[in-house]
Amino acid sequence: MSDGFSDFFFSAQDGLKLHARVYGKNSGKHLPVICLPGLTRNARDFHELALFLSTRKAAPRKVIAFDYRGRGQSESDKNWANYDVITETGDVVAGLTALGIEHAAFIGTSRGGIIIHALAAARPGAVKAVVLNDVGPVVEAAGLAQIRAYLQRAPTAATYGEAIAIQRVANEAAFPALKDADWERLVRSHCRDEGGKPVMDFDPAILNTLKSINLDVPLPSLWPQFIGLRSVPILAIRGENSKLFSVETLDQMQKRHPNLTAVTVEGQGHAPLLETAGLPERIAAFLQDIETH
């Protein structure tokens, strides 16, 4: 155990060695929480939130944050085509099995939210509550195009100071609410340290999955899978300046789901930092509320 968590390694169905962070201990009273990051992100994104949820005196929870294949401390896949939602959903299922977790609350940022939709369809009994961070059944092509362009053109940085400056130039307009400490924490969660130099902590081959998407045709929606979550309480978080998750989609989600709570995070885009803007308290209250009703 170090820094409030322990490392857990397990095997995917195809034998790849995968990693997760485990915070806190099992509690018979409180649902464990599974955290699923965005496309090129990793378990470090959830560190502050996981510490908060796992150490709350009122309701301490076991929290698991996954590194998908090719991200963080998980092994990379020699076949980039396996960096897809179906394979990664299977990896999450393998992790849950290895950890002995039959059901949980799930928190998904962007790609993680899409995986939650797929998981709910494949293992509906496993999903007892959902927090969707800036993602819904419809992914806006404009937002995906923006992410693809940034990842393809992002310059390399020799120092963390340079990396922070690059992030701010690219994203500050969408994230005016962030402070200096937020930008530094964001960069350090994105990057691994190689001799003092920040390196983006994902397999570059993952970008092939973005290049292969034709953004000139409408992206498939997940409304059928979302409707399958009608019996599951949902907290839907949207960044005020998000281009990936539209106001219209959030409105439709509220109309179609009887137990959905919506939160808009002012001054942030895609995707809001879950340790900011009072979100840890909102998420903890949401989880505690569903356990008392």
C-alpha atoms as a PDB file:
ATOM      1  CA  MET A   1       0.000   0.000   0.000  1.00  0.00           C
ATOM      2  CA  SER A   2       1.397   3.401  -0.980  1.00  0.00           C
ATOM      3  CA  ASP A   3      -0.237   6.819  -1.328  1.00  0.00           C
ATOM      4  CA  GLY A   4      -3.559   5.343  -0.233  1.00  0.00           C
ATOM      5  CA  PHE A   5      -3.807   2.530  -2.786  1.00  0.00           C
ATOM      6  CA  SER A   6      -2.318  -0.812  -3.768  1.00  0.00           C
ATOM      7  CA  ASP A   7      -1.504  -2.061  -7.260  1.00  0.00           C
ATOM      8  CA  PHE A   8      -3.464  -5.021  -8.559  1.00  0.00           C
ATOM      9  CA  PHE A   9      -2.416  -6.963 -11.648  1.00  0.00           C
ATOM     10  CA  PHE A  10      -4.557  -9.486 -13.488  1.00  0.00           C
ATOM     11  CA  SER A  11      -4.735 -11.245 -16.838  1.00  0.00           C
ATOM     12  CA  ALA A  12      -7.076 -10.430 -19.687  1.00  0.00           C
ATOM     13  CA  GLN A  13      -8.744 -13.287 -21.545  1.00  0.00           C
ATOM     14  CA  ASP A  14      -6.000 -13.119 -24.182  1.00  0.00           C
ATOM     15  CA  GLY A  15      -3.270 -13.211 -21.521  1.00  0.00           C
ATOM     16  CA  LEU A  16      -2.315  -9.526 -21.529  1.00  0.00           C
ATOM     17  CA  LYS A  17      -1.183  -8.280 -18.097  1.00  0.00           C
ATOM     18  CA  LEU A  18      -3.472  -5.494 -16.916  1.00  0.00           C
ATOM     19  CA  HIS A  19      -3.406  -3.151 -13.939  1.00  0.00           C
ATOM     20  CA  ALA A  20      -5.774  -1.454 -11.528  1.00  0.00           C
ATOM     21  CA  ARG A  21      -5.406   0.661  -8.427  1.00  0.00           C
ATOM     22  CA  VAL A  22      -7.298  -0.494  -5.340  1.00  0.00           C
ATOM     23  CA  TYR A  23      -8.237   2.024  -2.652  1.00  0.00           C
ATOM     24  CA  GLY A  24      -9.832   1.194   0.695  1.00  0.00           C
ATOM     25  CA  LYS A  25     -11.353  -2.061   1.867  1.00  0.00           C
ATOM     26  CA  ASN A  26     -14.462  -4.113   1.237  1.00  0.00           C
ATOM     27  CA  SER A  27     -17.526  -2.985   3.142  1.00  0.00           C
ATOM     28  CA  GLY A  28     -20.645  -5.011   3.542  1.00  0.00           C
ATOM     29  CA  LYS A  29     -22.660  -1.815   3.893  1.00  0.00           C
ATOM     30  CA  HIS A  30     -21.444   0.250   0.939  1.00  0.00           C
ATOM     31  CA  LEU A  31     -21.161  -0.461  -2.768  1.00  0.00           C
ATOM     32  CA  PRO A  32     -17.652  -0.643  -4.165  1.00  0.00           C
ATOM     33  CA  VAL A  33     -16.890   1.923  -6.859  1.00  0.00           C
ATOM     34  CA  ILE A  34     -15.305   1.141 -10.235  1.00  0.00           C
ATOM     35  CA  CYS A  35     -13.608   4.037 -12.050  1.00  0.00           C
ATOM     36  CA  LEU A  36     -13.138   3.881 -15.817  1.00  0.00           C
ATOM     37  CA  PRO A  37     -11.055   6.581 -17.548  1.00  0.00           C
ATOM     38  CA  GLY A  38     -11.155   8.230 -20.963  1.00  0.00           C
ATOM     39  CA  LEU A  39      -9.621   6.989 -24.211  1.00  0.00           C
ATOM     40  CA  THR A  40      -5.979   7.901 -23.581  1.00  0.00           C
ATOM     41  CA  ARG A  41      -6.193   8.370 -19.831  1.00  0.00           C
ATOM     42  CA  ASN A  42      -5.391   6.127 -16.896  1.00  0.00           C
ATOM     43  CA  ALA A  43      -6.185   5.277 -13.280  1.00  0.00           C
ATOM     44  CA  ARG A  44      -4.332   8.342 -11.977  1.00  0.00           C
ATOM     45  CA  ASP A  45      -7.229  10.528 -13.179  1.00  0.00           C
ATOM     46  CA  PHE A  46      -9.280   9.280 -10.222  1.00  0.00           C
ATOM     47  CA  HIS A  47      -6.675   9.478  -7.464  1.00  0.00           C
ATOM     48  CA  GLU A  48      -8.102  12.384  -5.455  1.00  0.00           C
ATOM     49  CA  LEU A  49     -11.711  11.222  -5.892  1.00  0.00           C
ATOM     50  CA  ALA A  50     -10.785   7.652  -4.947  1.00  0.00           C
ATOM     51  CA  LEU A  51      -9.010   8.827  -1.804  1.00  0.00           C
ATOM     52  CA  PHE A  52     -12.056  10.896  -0.860  1.00  0.00           C
ATOM     53  CA  LEU A  53     -14.555   8.069  -1.373  1.00  0.00           C
ATOM     54  CA  SER A  54     -12.402   5.384   0.263  1.00  0.00           C
ATOM     55  CA  THR A  55     -11.649   7.351   3.434  1.00  0.00           C
ATOM     56  CA  ARG A  56     -14.972   9.075   4.204  1.00  0.00           C
ATOM     57  CA  LYS A  57     -15.952   8.305   7.780  1.00  0.00           C
ATOM     58  CA  ALA A  58     -19.650   8.314   6.938  1.00  0.00           C
ATOM     59  CA  ALA A  59     -19.377   5.737   4.161  1.00  0.00           C
ATOM     60  CA  PRO A  60     -15.892   4.413   3.338  1.00  0.00           C
ATOM     61  CA  ARG A  61     -15.843   2.440   0.088  1.00  0.00           C
ATOM     62  CA  LYS A  62     -13.524   0.189  -1.805  1.00  0.00           C
ATOM     63  CA  VAL A  63     -12.604   2.005  -5.016  1.00  0.00           C
ATOM     64  CA  ILE A  64     -10.935   0.408  -8.043  1.00  0.00           C
ATOM     65  CA  ALA A  65      -9.523   2.498 -10.892  1.00  0.00           C
ATOM     66  CA  PHE A  66      -8.602   0.574 -14.039  1.00  0.00           C
ATOM     67  CA  ASP A  67      -5.840   1.091 -16.583  1.00  0.00           C
ATOM     68  CA  TYR A  68      -7.118  -0.211 -19.916  1.00  0.00           C
ATOM     69  CA  ARG A  69      -4.716  -2.192 -22.102  1.00  0.00           C
ATOM     70  CA  GLY A  70      -2.042   0.114 -23.499  1.00  0.00           C
ATOM     71  CA  ARG A  71      -2.528   2.712 -20.777  1.00  0.00           C
ATOM     72  CA  GLY A  72      -0.785   3.364 -17.470  1.00  0.00           C
ATOM     73  CA  GLN A  73       0.748   0.199 -16.025  1.00  0.00           C
ATOM     74  CA  SER A  74      -1.164  -2.211 -18.259  1.00  0.00           C
ATOM     75  CA  GLU A  75       0.657  -3.954 -21.088  1.00  0.00           C
ATOM     76  CA  SER A  76       0.258  -2.692 -24.632  1.00  0.00           C
ATOM     77  CA  ASP A  77      -1.441  -4.780 -27.299  1.00  0.00           C
ATOM     78  CA  LYS A  78       0.535  -5.684 -30.418  1.00  0.00           C
ATOM     79  CA  ASN A  79      -2.707  -5.444 -32.405  1.00  0.00           C
ATOM     80  CA  TRP A  80      -4.070  -1.889 -32.182  1.00  0.00           C
ATOM     81  CA  ALA A  81      -7.479  -3.089 -33.414  1.00  0.00           C
ATOM     82  CA  ASN A  82      -7.975  -4.570 -29.932  1.00  0.00           C
ATOM     83  CA  TYR A  83      -8.139  -1.057 -28.499  1.00  0.00           C
ATOM     84  CA  ASP A  84     -11.897  -1.109 -28.836  1.00  0.00           C
ATOM     85  CA  VAL A  85     -14.879  -0.861 -26.492  1.00  0.00           C
ATOM     86  CA  ILE A  86     -15.858  -4.538 -26.693  1.00  0.00           C
ATOM     87  CA  THR A  87     -12.370  -5.811 -25.851  1.00  0.00           C
ATOM     88  CA  GLU A  88     -11.913  -3.236 -23.086  1.00  0.00           C
ATOM     89  CA  THR A  89     -15.312  -4.114 -21.620  1.00  0.00           C
ATOM     90  CA  GLY A  90     -14.153  -7.733 -21.501  1.00  0.00           C
ATOM     91  CA  ASP A  91     -10.991  -6.592 -19.742  1.00  0.00           C
ATOM     92  CA  VAL A  92     -13.054  -4.803 -17.086  1.00  0.00           C
ATOM     93  CA  VAL A  93     -15.161  -7.938 -16.589  1.00  0.00           C
ATOM     94  CA  ALA A  94     -11.943  -9.961 -16.177  1.00  0.00           C
ATOM     95  CA  GLY A  95     -10.755  -7.462 -13.568  1.00  0.00           C
ATOM     96  CA  LEU A  96     -14.016  -7.579 -11.653  1.00  0.00           C
ATOM     97  CA  THR A  97     -13.878 -11.380 -11.632  1.00  0.00           C
ATOM     98  CA  ALA A  98     -10.275 -11.400 -10.430  1.00  0.00           C
ATOM     99  CA  LEU A  99     -11.200  -8.950  -7.651  1.00  0.00           C
ATOM    100  CA  GLY A 100     -14.294 -10.926  -6.662  1.00  0.00           C
ATOM    101  CA  ILE A 101     -16.674  -8.017  -7.320  1.00  0.00           C
ATOM    102  CA  GLU A 102     -20.160  -9.081  -8.435  1.00  0.00           C
ATOM    103  CA  HIS A 103     -21.782  -5.650  -8.512  1.00  0.00           C
ATOM    104  CA  ALA A 104     -20.751  -2.048  -7.952  1.00  0.00           C
ATOM    105  CA  ALA A 105     -21.311   1.599  -8.699  1.00  0.00           C
ATOM    106  CA  PHE A 106     -19.490   2.691 -11.853  1.00  0.00           C
ATOM    107  CA  ILE A 107     -17.924   6.058 -12.647  1.00  0.00           C
ATOM    108  CA  GLY A 108     -16.963   6.560 -16.285  1.00  0.00           C
ATOM    109  CA  THR A 109     -15.269   9.505 -17.949  1.00  0.00           C
ATOM    110  CA  SER A 110     -15.838   9.746 -21.712  1.00  0.00           C
ATOM    111  CA  ARG A 111     -14.694   6.328 -23.069  1.00  0.00           C
ATOM    112  CA  GLY A 112     -15.360   4.935 -19.598  1.00  0.00           C
ATOM    113  CA  GLY A 113     -19.020   5.929 -19.865  1.00  0.00           C
ATOM    114  CA  ILE A 114     -19.332   4.151 -23.195  1.00  0.00           C
ATOM    115  CA  ILE A 115     -17.832   1.028 -21.620  1.00  0.00           C
ATOM    116  CA  ILE A 116     -20.411   1.297 -18.824  1.00  0.00           C
ATOM    117  CA  HIS A 117     -23.185   1.228 -21.445  1.00  0.00           C
ATOM    118  CA  ALA A 118     -21.647  -1.902 -22.977  1.00  0.00           C
ATOM    119  CA  LEU A 119     -21.111  -3.516 -19.582  1.00  0.00           C
ATOM    120  CA  ALA A 120     -24.706  -2.860 -18.545  1.00  0.00           C
ATOM    121  CA  ALA A 121     -25.897  -4.638 -21.684  1.00  0.00           C
ATOM    122  CA  ALA A 122     -23.563  -7.603 -21.139  1.00  0.00           C
ATOM    123  CA  ARG A 123     -23.771  -7.832 -17.320  1.00  0.00           C
ATOM    124  CA  PRO A 124     -26.837  -5.860 -16.230  1.00  0.00           C
ATOM    125  CA  GLY A 125     -26.757  -7.223 -12.700  1.00  0.00           C
ATOM    126  CA  ALA A 126     -23.282  -5.846 -12.127  1.00  0.00           C
ATOM    127  CA  VAL A 127     -24.257  -2.195 -12.499  1.00  0.00           C
ATOM    128  CA  LYS A 128     -26.079  -0.780  -9.451  1.00  0.00           C
ATOM    129  CA  ALA A 129     -25.402   2.945  -9.956  1.00  0.00           C
ATOM    130  CA  VAL A 130     -23.715   5.062 -12.631  1.00  0.00           C
ATOM    131  CA  VAL A 131     -21.850   8.353 -12.758  1.00  0.00           C
ATOM    132  CA  LEU A 132     -21.308   9.534 -16.334  1.00  0.00           C
ATOM    133  CA  ASN A 133     -18.629  12.206 -16.652  1.00  0.00           C
ATOM    134  CA  ASP A 134     -19.224  14.238 -19.813  1.00  0.00           C
ATOM    135  CA  VAL A 135     -20.547  11.396 -21.905  1.00  0.00           C
ATOM    136  CA  GLY A 136     -23.937  10.137 -22.987  1.00  0.00           C
ATOM    137  CA  PRO A 137     -25.566   7.966 -25.650  1.00  0.00           C
ATOM    138  CA  VAL A 138     -24.621  10.467 -28.379  1.00  0.00           C
ATOM    139  CA  VAL A 139     -20.998  11.449 -28.982  1.00  0.00           C
ATOM    140  CA  GLU A 140     -20.712  14.680 -30.942  1.00  0.00           C
ATOM    141  CA  ALA A 141     -18.453  14.365 -33.992  1.00  0.00           C
ATOM    142  CA  ALA A 142     -17.147  17.916 -33.503  1.00  0.00           C
ATOM    143  CA  GLY A 143     -15.862  17.035 -30.052  1.00  0.00           C
ATOM    144  CA  LEU A 144     -14.259  13.810 -31.246  1.00  0.00           C
ATOM    145  CA  ALA A 145     -12.623  15.674 -34.128  1.00  0.00           C
ATOM    146  CA  GLN A 146     -11.193  18.187 -31.670  1.00  0.00           C
ATOM    147  CA  ILE A 147      -9.721  15.428 -29.500  1.00  0.00           C
ATOM    148  CA  ARG A 148      -8.262  13.665 -32.542  1.00  0.00           C
ATOM    149  CA  ALA A 149      -6.676  16.843 -33.864  1.00  0.00           C
ATOM    150  CA  TYR A 150      -5.118  17.668 -30.498  1.00  0.00           C
ATOM    151  CA  LEU A 151      -3.682  14.201 -29.935  1.00  0.00           C
ATOM    152  CA  GLN A 152      -2.245  14.028 -33.451  1.00  0.00           C
ATOM    153  CA  ARG A 153      -0.630  17.455 -33.289  1.00  0.00           C
ATOM    154  CA  ALA A 154       0.333  17.787 -29.624  1.00  0.00           C
ATOM    155  CA  PRO A 155       4.020  18.744 -29.371  1.00  0.00           C
ATOM    156  CA  THR A 156       6.314  16.818 -27.083  1.00  0.00           C
ATOM    157  CA  ALA A 157       7.554  18.518 -23.932  1.00  0.00           C
ATOM    158  CA  ALA A 158      11.026  18.342 -22.426  1.00  0.00           C
ATOM    159  CA  THR A 159       9.869  19.435 -18.962  1.00  0.00           C
ATOM    160  CA  TYR A 160       6.704  19.400 -16.902  1.00  0.00           C
ATOM    161  CA  GLY A 161       6.608  23.184 -17.159  1.00  0.00           C
ATOM    162  CA  GLU A 162       6.473  22.910 -20.944  1.00  0.00           C
ATOM    163  CA  ALA A 163       3.818  20.190 -20.758  1.00  0.00           C
ATOM    164  CA  ILE A 164       1.619  22.356 -18.535  1.00  0.00           C
ATOM    165  CA  ALA A 165       2.041  25.319 -20.892  1.00  0.00           C
ATOM    166  CA  ILE A 166       1.052  23.159 -23.875  1.00  0.00           C
ATOM    167  CA  GLN A 167      -2.075  21.934 -22.079  1.00  0.00           C
ATOM    168  CA  ARG A 168      -3.086  25.445 -21.126  1.00  0.00           C
ATOM    169  CA  VAL A 169      -2.649  26.836 -24.636  1.00  0.00           C
ATOM    170  CA  ALA A 170      -4.760  24.010 -26.066  1.00  0.00           C
ATOM    171  CA  ASN A 171      -7.497  23.874 -23.425  1.00  0.00           C
ATOM    172  CA  GLU A 172      -7.614  26.993 -21.262  1.00  0.00           C
ATOM    173  CA  ALA A 173     -10.441  28.570 -23.288  1.00  0.00           C
ATOM    174  CA  ALA A 174     -12.687  25.621 -22.395  1.00  0.00           C
ATOM    175  CA  PHE A 175     -11.415  25.410 -18.803  1.00  0.00           C
ATOM    176  CA  PRO A 176     -11.232  28.964 -17.408  1.00  0.00           C
ATOM    177  CA  ALA A 177     -12.205  27.635 -13.973  1.00  0.00           C
ATOM    178  CA  LEU A 178      -8.974  25.654 -13.522  1.00  0.00           C
ATOM    179  CA  LYS A 179      -6.218  27.021 -11.312  1.00  0.00           C
ATOM    180  CA  ASP A 180      -2.453  26.514 -11.597  1.00  0.00           C
ATOM    181  CA  ALA A 181      -2.511  23.509  -9.275  1.00  0.00           C
ATOM    182  CA  ASP A 182      -5.299  21.920 -11.348  1.00  0.00           C
ATOM    183  CA  TRP A 183      -3.282  22.198 -14.579  1.00  0.00           C
ATOM    184  CA  GLU A 184      -0.212  20.679 -12.949  1.00  0.00           C
ATOM    185  CA  ARG A 185      -2.206  17.820 -11.449  1.00  0.00           C
ATOM    186  CA  LEU A 186      -3.887  17.217 -14.816  1.00  0.00           C
ATOM    187  CA  VAL A 187      -0.561  16.953 -16.647  1.00  0.00           C
ATOM    188  CA  ARG A 188       0.955  14.692 -14.011  1.00  0.00           C
ATOM    189  CA  SER A 189      -2.016  12.357 -14.293  1.00  0.00           C
ATOM    190  CA  HIS A 190      -1.661  12.251 -18.097  1.00  0.00           C
ATOM    191  CA  CYS A 191       2.059  11.614 -18.137  1.00  0.00           C
ATOM    192  CA  ARG A 192       4.522   9.131 -16.760  1.00  0.00           C
ATOM    193  CA  ASP A 193       7.946  10.332 -15.665  1.00  0.00           C
ATOM    194  CA  GLU A 194      10.938   9.148 -17.659  1.00  0.00           C
ATOM    195  CA  GLY A 195      14.067  10.630 -16.108  1.00  0.00           C
ATOM    196  CA  GLY A 196      12.282  13.836 -15.233  1.00  0.00           C
ATOM    197  CA  LYS A 197      10.710  14.127 -18.694  1.00  0.00           C
ATOM    198  CA  PRO A 198       6.913  13.855 -19.062  1.00  0.00           C
ATOM    199  CA  VAL A 199       5.729  11.239 -21.560  1.00  0.00           C
ATOM    200  CA  MET A 200       2.074  10.699 -22.431  1.00  0.00           C
ATOM    201  CA  ASP A 201       1.154   7.450 -20.709  1.00  0.00           C
ATOM    202  CA  PHE A 202      -0.558   5.511 -23.483  1.00  0.00           C
ATOM    203  CA  ASP A 203       0.384   3.393 -26.488  1.00  0.00           C
ATOM    204  CA  PRO A 204       0.561   5.773 -29.495  1.00  0.00           C
ATOM    205  CA  ALA A 205      -1.071   3.030 -31.584  1.00  0.00           C
ATOM    206  CA  ILE A 206      -4.342   3.892 -29.826  1.00  0.00           C
ATOM    207  CA  LEU A 207      -4.527   6.943 -32.097  1.00  0.00           C
ATOM    208  CA  ASN A 208      -5.110   4.557 -35.018  1.00  0.00           C
ATOM    209  CA  THR A 209      -8.573   3.916 -33.593  1.00  0.00           C
ATOM    210  CA  LEU A 210      -9.396   7.618 -33.912  1.00  0.00           C
ATOM    211  CA  LYS A 211      -7.924   7.862 -37.418  1.00  0.00           C
ATOM    212  CA  SER A 212     -10.135   4.974 -38.537  1.00  0.00           C
ATOM    213  CA  ILE A 213     -13.385   6.786 -37.625  1.00  0.00           C
ATOM    214  CA  ASN A 214     -15.189   8.505 -40.500  1.00  0.00           C
ATOM    215  CA  LEU A 215     -16.496  11.710 -38.954  1.00  0.00           C
ATOM    216  CA  ASP A 216     -18.365  12.639 -42.126  1.00  0.00           C
ATOM    217  CA  VAL A 217     -21.101  10.152 -41.251  1.00  0.00           C
ATOM    218  CA  PRO A 218     -23.168  10.166 -38.055  1.00  0.00           C
ATOM    219  CA  LEU A 219     -21.642   8.211 -35.199  1.00  0.00           C
ATOM    220  CA  PRO A 220     -23.777   5.321 -33.886  1.00  0.00           C
ATOM    221  CA  SER A 221     -25.746   6.200 -30.783  1.00  0.00           C
ATOM    222  CA  LEU A 222     -26.159   4.178 -27.603  1.00  0.00           C
ATOM    223  CA  TRP A 223     -29.816   4.958 -26.888  1.00  0.00           C
ATOM    224  CA  PRO A 224     -30.859   1.262 -26.724  1.00  0.00           C
ATOM    225  CA  GLN A 225     -28.123   0.583 -24.164  1.00  0.00           C
ATOM    226  CA  PHE A 226     -29.038   3.742 -22.255  1.00  0.00           C
ATOM    227  CA  ILE A 227     -32.683   2.671 -22.083  1.00  0.00           C
ATOM    228  CA  GLY A 228     -31.382  -0.587 -20.606  1.00  0.00           C
ATOM    229  CA  LEU A 229     -30.124   1.513 -17.684  1.00  0.00           C
ATOM    230  CA  ARG A 230     -33.602   2.853 -16.828  1.00  0.00           C
ATOM    231  CA  SER A 231     -33.701   0.974 -13.537  1.00  0.00           C
ATOM    232  CA  VAL A 232     -30.244   2.195 -12.495  1.00  0.00           C
ATOM    233  CA  PRO A 233     -29.773   5.573 -10.762  1.00  0.00           C
ATOM    234  CA  ILE A 234     -27.567   7.878 -12.858  1.00  0.00           C
ATOM    235  CA  LEU A 235     -25.650  11.031 -12.035  1.00  0.00           C
ATOM    236  CA  ALA A 236     -24.823  12.744 -15.337  1.00  0.00           C
ATOM    237  CA  ILE A 237     -22.064  15.361 -15.190  1.00  0.00           C
ATOM    238  CA  ARG A 238     -21.543  17.755 -18.097  1.00  0.00           C
ATOM    239  CA  GLY A 239     -18.829  20.320 -18.614  1.00  0.00           C
ATOM    240  CA  GLU A 240     -20.432  23.657 -19.440  1.00  0.00           C
ATOM    241  CA  ASN A 241     -18.095  24.109 -22.437  1.00  0.00           C
ATOM    242  CA  SER A 242     -18.065  20.492 -23.624  1.00  0.00           C
ATOM    243  CA  LYS A 243     -18.161  19.870 -27.372  1.00  0.00           C
ATOM    244  CA  LEU A 244     -18.433  16.100 -26.980  1.00  0.00           C
ATOM    245  CA  PHE A 245     -21.543  15.909 -24.766  1.00  0.00           C
ATOM    246  CA  SER A 246     -24.279  18.303 -25.846  1.00  0.00           C
ATOM    247  CA  VAL A 247     -26.979  20.035 -23.841  1.00  0.00           C
ATOM    248  CA  GLU A 248     -29.540  18.450 -26.185  1.00  0.00           C
ATOM    249  CA  THR A 249     -28.310  14.931 -25.406  1.00  0.00           C
ATOM    250  CA  LEU A 250     -28.419  15.625 -21.668  1.00  0.00           C
ATOM    251  CA  ASP A 251     -31.974  16.955 -22.001  1.00  0.00           C
ATOM    252  CA  GLN A 252     -33.039  13.804 -23.861  1.00  0.00           C
ATOM    253  CA  MET A 253     -31.417  11.639 -21.193  1.00  0.00           C
ATOM    254  CA  GLN A 254     -33.432  13.404 -18.500  1.00  0.00           C
ATOM    255  CA  LYS A 255     -36.645  12.869 -20.461  1.00  0.00           C
ATOM    256  CA  ARG A 256     -35.973   9.175 -21.050  1.00  0.00           C
ATOM    257  CA  HIS A 257     -34.641   8.196 -17.615  1.00  0.00           C
ATOM    258  CA  PRO A 258     -36.849   8.345 -14.497  1.00  0.00           C
ATOM    259  CA  ASN A 259     -33.987   8.521 -12.000  1.00  0.00           C
ATOM    260  CA  LEU A 260     -31.306  10.730 -13.526  1.00  0.00           C
ATOM    261  CA  THR A 261     -29.687  13.684 -11.786  1.00  0.00           C
ATOM    262  CA  ALA A 262     -27.860  16.217 -13.973  1.00  0.00           C
ATOM    263  CA  VAL A 263     -24.959  18.431 -12.914  1.00  0.00           C
ATOM    264  CA  THR A 264     -23.353  21.101 -15.095  1.00  0.00           C
ATOM    265  CA  VAL A 265     -19.814  22.109 -14.158  1.00  0.00           C
ATOM    266  CA  GLU A 266     -19.228  25.778 -14.874  1.00  0.00           C
ATOM    267  CA  GLY A 267     -15.997  26.867 -16.501  1.00  0.00           C
ATOM    268  CA  GLN A 268     -14.942  23.396 -17.641  1.00  0.00           C
ATOM    269  CA  GLY A 269     -15.146  21.495 -20.932  1.00  0.00           C
ATOM    270  CA  HIS A 270     -14.451  17.873 -21.836  1.00  0.00           C
ATOM    271  CA  ALA A 271     -14.085  16.353 -19.382  1.00  0.00           C
ATOM    272  CA  PRO A 272     -14.526  18.016 -15.980  1.00  0.00           C
ATOM    273  CA  LEU A 273     -11.914  17.150 -13.369  1.00  0.00           C
ATOM    274  CA  LEU A 274     -13.767  15.003 -10.858  1.00  0.00           C
ATOM    275  CA  GLU A 275     -11.758  16.289  -7.905  1.00  0.00           C
ATOM    276  CA  THR A 276     -12.884  19.893  -8.520  1.00  0.00           C
ATOM    277  CA  ALA A 277     -16.052  21.994  -8.272  1.00  0.00           C
ATOM    278  CA  GLY A 278     -17.427  20.099  -5.283  1.00  0.00           C
ATOM    279  CA  LEU A 279     -17.857  16.965  -7.395  1.00  0.00           C
ATOM    280  CA  PRO A 280     -16.428  14.514  -4.816  1.00  0.00           C
ATOM    281  CA  GLU A 281     -19.112  15.624  -2.362  1.00  0.00           C
ATOM    282  CA  ARG A 282     -21.838  15.424  -5.032  1.00  0.00           C
ATOM    283  CA  ILE A 283     -20.774  11.932  -6.053  1.00  0.00           C
ATOM    284  CA  ALA A 284     -20.515  10.734  -2.434  1.00  0.00           C
ATOM    285  CA  ALA A 285     -23.974  12.133  -1.652  1.00  0.00           C
ATOM    286  CA  PHE A 286     -25.433  10.472  -4.774  1.00  0.00           C
ATOM    287  CA  LEU A 287     -23.996   7.089  -3.790  1.00  0.00           C
ATOM    288  CA  GLN A 288     -25.106   7.397  -0.178  1.00  0.00           C
ATOM    289  CA  ASP A 289     -28.598   8.479  -1.227  1.00  0.00           C
ATOM    290  CA  ILE A 290     -29.199   5.415  -3.419  1.00  0.00           C
ATOM    291  CA  GLU A 291     -28.164   3.166  -0.532  1.00  0.00           C
ATOM    292  CA  THR A 292     -30.674   4.734   1.846  1.00  0.00           C
ATOM    293  CA  HIS A 293     -33.686   4.675  -0.520  1.00  0.00           C
END
